[in-house]
């Protein structure tokens, strides 16, 4: 991804930015969006939050909100781009199993994976790639990677909140 839109220094809007970055990553090669268009997505998401915005600023976004952000972006895309999403895991899915599956998903074209991180970081991010010992991120707040050896000691993934975003030309 050539352009990364970054979250502000004093907000908890990582869910908004993860949604935007996942939409950009999944549509790469299918469409290009100007800074103005992406800012319009952001403004639409924030305006749809209305009464919940203060809570999201203070506490971050629940997975249901991240799904709403993706739906908002989907409405703003050109008619020839279909953006879909799904949550592939349940609460009972082991983290090691999820990481293996996510590694496969991130290699698919026009696919982005949003993960929830908890522990030292309570955060939403987009996965770039996974190696044997690291999960590399396309992150709005500058987090570059997670060491898999630190899962779950320092941080963990909220596996059941993982969101796969796929784009295709129609």
Protein backbone atom coordinates (compact mmCIF):
# COMPACT_ATOMS: atom_id res chain seq x y z
CA UNK A 1 0.00 0.00 0.00
CA UNK A 2 1.59 3.27 -1.09
CA UNK A 3 -0.33 5.71 1.09
CA UNK A 4 -1.10 5.09 4.75
CA UNK A 5 -3.59 7.33 6.49
CA UNK A 6 -2.59 7.80 10.09
CA UNK A 7 -4.64 8.14 13.18
CA UNK A 8 -4.35 11.28 15.26
CA UNK A 9 -2.14 11.47 18.30
CA UNK A 10 -4.96 11.77 20.84
CA UNK A 11 -7.80 9.56 19.60
CA UNK A 12 -8.87 5.93 19.65
CA UNK A 13 -10.10 5.87 16.07
CA UNK A 14 -7.90 2.94 15.03
CA UNK A 15 -11.05 1.04 13.97
CA UNK A 16 -11.92 3.82 11.54
CA UNK A 17 -8.41 3.89 10.12
CA UNK A 18 -8.12 0.09 9.96
CA UNK A 19 -11.37 0.04 7.95
CA UNK A 20 -10.11 2.72 5.57
CA UNK A 21 -6.71 1.04 5.15
CA UNK A 22 -8.35 -2.37 4.59
CA UNK A 23 -10.61 -0.88 1.89
CA UNK A 24 -7.59 0.73 0.21
CA UNK A 25 -5.50 -2.44 0.41
CA UNK A 26 -8.27 -4.71 -0.88
CA UNK A 27 -9.10 -2.43 -3.82
CA UNK A 28 -5.46 -1.99 -4.87
CA UNK A 29 -5.20 -2.63 -8.59
CA UNK A 30 -8.97 -2.32 -9.01
CA UNK A 31 -9.38 1.39 -8.31
CA UNK A 32 -7.46 4.46 -7.17
CA UNK A 33 -8.84 6.90 -4.66
CA UNK A 34 -7.74 10.47 -4.12
CA UNK A 35 -6.93 11.92 -0.72
CA UNK A 36 -10.19 13.88 -1.02
CA UNK A 37 -12.20 10.69 -1.61
CA UNK A 38 -10.59 8.93 1.36
CA UNK A 39 -11.18 11.96 3.56
CA UNK A 40 -14.82 11.83 2.45
CA UNK A 41 -15.02 8.20 3.68
CA UNK A 42 -13.60 9.31 7.02
CA UNK A 43 -16.06 12.20 7.34
CA UNK A 44 -18.99 9.96 6.41
CA UNK A 45 -17.99 7.39 9.06
CA UNK A 46 -17.55 10.06 11.73
CA UNK A 47 -20.84 11.76 10.86
CA UNK A 48 -22.65 8.40 11.06
CA UNK A 49 -21.28 7.88 14.57
CA UNK A 50 -23.05 11.03 15.81
CA UNK A 51 -23.87 10.41 19.50
CA UNK A 52 -21.34 7.58 19.86
CA UNK A 53 -18.32 9.60 18.69
CA UNK A 54 -17.21 10.73 22.16
CA UNK A 55 -17.35 7.16 23.44
CA UNK A 56 -15.37 5.88 20.44
CA UNK A 57 -12.80 8.67 20.93
CA UNK A 58 -12.39 7.65 24.55
CA UNK A 59 -12.69 3.85 24.36
CA UNK A 60 -12.18 2.77 20.76
CA UNK A 61 -14.50 0.86 18.43
CA UNK A 62 -16.32 -2.38 19.11
CA UNK A 63 -16.18 -4.90 16.25
CA UNK A 64 -19.75 -4.00 15.28
CA UNK A 65 -18.64 -0.42 14.71
CA UNK A 66 -15.73 -1.53 12.50
CA UNK A 67 -18.26 -3.51 10.43
CA UNK A 68 -20.39 -0.34 10.16
CA UNK A 69 -17.35 1.62 8.97
CA UNK A 70 -16.77 -0.93 6.21
CA UNK A 71 -20.44 -0.72 5.18
CA UNK A 72 -20.15 3.08 5.02
CA UNK A 73 -17.06 2.86 2.81
CA UNK A 74 -18.75 0.24 0.62
CA UNK A 75 -21.55 2.73 -0.16
CA UNK A 76 -18.97 5.31 -1.29
CA UNK A 77 -17.15 3.01 -3.74
CA UNK A 78 -17.78 3.11 -7.49
CA UNK A 79 -20.49 0.75 -8.77
CA UNK A 80 -17.90 -1.44 -10.49
CA UNK A 81 -16.22 -2.38 -7.17
CA UNK A 82 -17.86 -4.87 -4.79
CA UNK A 83 -16.53 -4.80 -1.23
CA UNK A 84 -17.50 -7.65 1.08
CA UNK A 85 -16.40 -8.69 4.54
CA UNK A 86 -16.83 -11.56 6.96
CA UNK A 87 -15.62 -12.77 10.35
CA UNK A 88 -14.00 -16.19 9.82
CA UNK A 89 -13.44 -17.27 13.44
CA UNK A 90 -15.37 -18.02 16.61
CA UNK A 91 -14.37 -17.49 20.23
CA UNK A 92 -13.25 -21.11 20.34
CA UNK A 93 -10.73 -20.76 17.51
CA UNK A 94 -7.21 -21.11 18.86
CA UNK A 95 -4.91 -18.16 18.14
CA UNK A 96 -2.26 -20.35 16.49
CA UNK A 97 -4.93 -21.79 14.15
CA UNK A 98 -6.21 -18.31 13.33
CA UNK A 99 -2.71 -17.01 12.56
CA UNK A 100 -2.12 -19.86 10.08
CA UNK A 101 -5.45 -19.16 8.34
CA UNK A 102 -4.84 -15.38 8.33
CA UNK A 103 -1.41 -15.96 6.76
CA UNK A 104 -3.13 -17.77 3.88
CA UNK A 105 -5.82 -15.09 3.57
CA UNK A 106 -3.34 -12.21 3.36
CA UNK A 107 -1.74 -13.83 0.30
CA UNK A 108 -5.02 -13.73 -1.64
CA UNK A 109 -5.43 -10.86 -4.12
CA UNK A 110 -7.64 -7.94 -3.16
CA UNK A 111 -7.95 -9.21 0.41
CA UNK A 112 -7.20 -7.36 3.64
CA UNK A 113 -7.43 -8.68 7.19
CA UNK A 114 -8.32 -6.44 10.13
CA UNK A 115 -7.30 -7.75 13.54
CA UNK A 116 -8.09 -6.68 17.06
CA UNK A 117 -5.15 -6.58 19.47
CA UNK A 118 -5.52 -6.48 23.24
CA UNK A 119 -3.09 -6.32 26.14
CA UNK A 120 -0.28 -3.76 25.93
CA UNK A 121 -2.07 -2.45 22.83
CA UNK A 122 -5.86 -2.27 22.65
CA UNK A 123 -5.98 -1.56 18.98
CA UNK A 124 -7.29 -2.35 15.50
CA UNK A 125 -4.80 -2.89 12.70
CA UNK A 126 -4.48 -4.35 9.20
CA UNK A 127 -2.12 -7.25 8.57
CA UNK A 128 0.51 -6.86 5.87
CA UNK A 129 2.05 -10.33 6.07
CA UNK A 130 2.95 -13.08 8.52
CA UNK A 131 6.33 -14.79 8.91
CA UNK A 132 7.35 -17.58 11.28
CA UNK A 133 7.95 -15.17 14.17
CA UNK A 134 6.17 -11.91 13.29
CA UNK A 135 2.87 -10.47 12.18
CA UNK A 136 3.70 -7.39 10.09
CA UNK A 137 1.12 -4.62 10.10
CA UNK A 138 -0.15 -1.78 7.92
CA UNK A 139 -0.91 0.24 11.01
CA UNK A 140 -2.45 3.66 11.45
CA UNK A 141 -0.50 4.39 14.64
CA UNK A 142 2.98 3.27 13.58
CA UNK A 143 2.97 -0.24 15.08
CA UNK A 144 5.16 -2.20 12.66
CA UNK A 145 4.83 -5.80 13.83
CA UNK A 146 3.84 -8.17 16.62
CA UNK A 147 6.21 -10.93 17.70
CA UNK A 148 4.29 -14.21 17.75
CA UNK A 149 6.40 -15.35 20.72
CA UNK A 150 4.78 -12.55 22.76
CA UNK A 151 1.27 -13.90 22.12
CA UNK A 152 -0.47 -14.18 24.61
CA UNK A 153 2.08 -13.03 27.21
CA UNK A 154 2.28 -9.34 26.27
CA UNK A 155 -0.62 -8.98 23.85
CA UNK A 156 -3.18 -11.21 22.22
CA UNK A 157 -5.42 -11.19 19.19
CA UNK A 158 -9.16 -10.99 19.60
CA UNK A 159 -9.48 -13.83 17.13
CA UNK A 160 -13.29 -13.80 17.01
CA UNK A 161 -13.20 -10.12 15.96
CA UNK A 162 -10.97 -10.70 12.92
CA UNK A 163 -12.54 -9.21 9.79
CA UNK A 164 -11.62 -10.26 6.25
CA UNK A 165 -12.29 -7.58 3.63
CA UNK A 166 -12.40 -8.57 -0.03
CA UNK A 167 -12.84 -6.44 -3.13
CA UNK A 168 -13.63 -7.47 -6.68
CA UNK A 169 -14.44 -5.81 -9.95
CA UNK A 170 -18.04 -6.36 -11.05
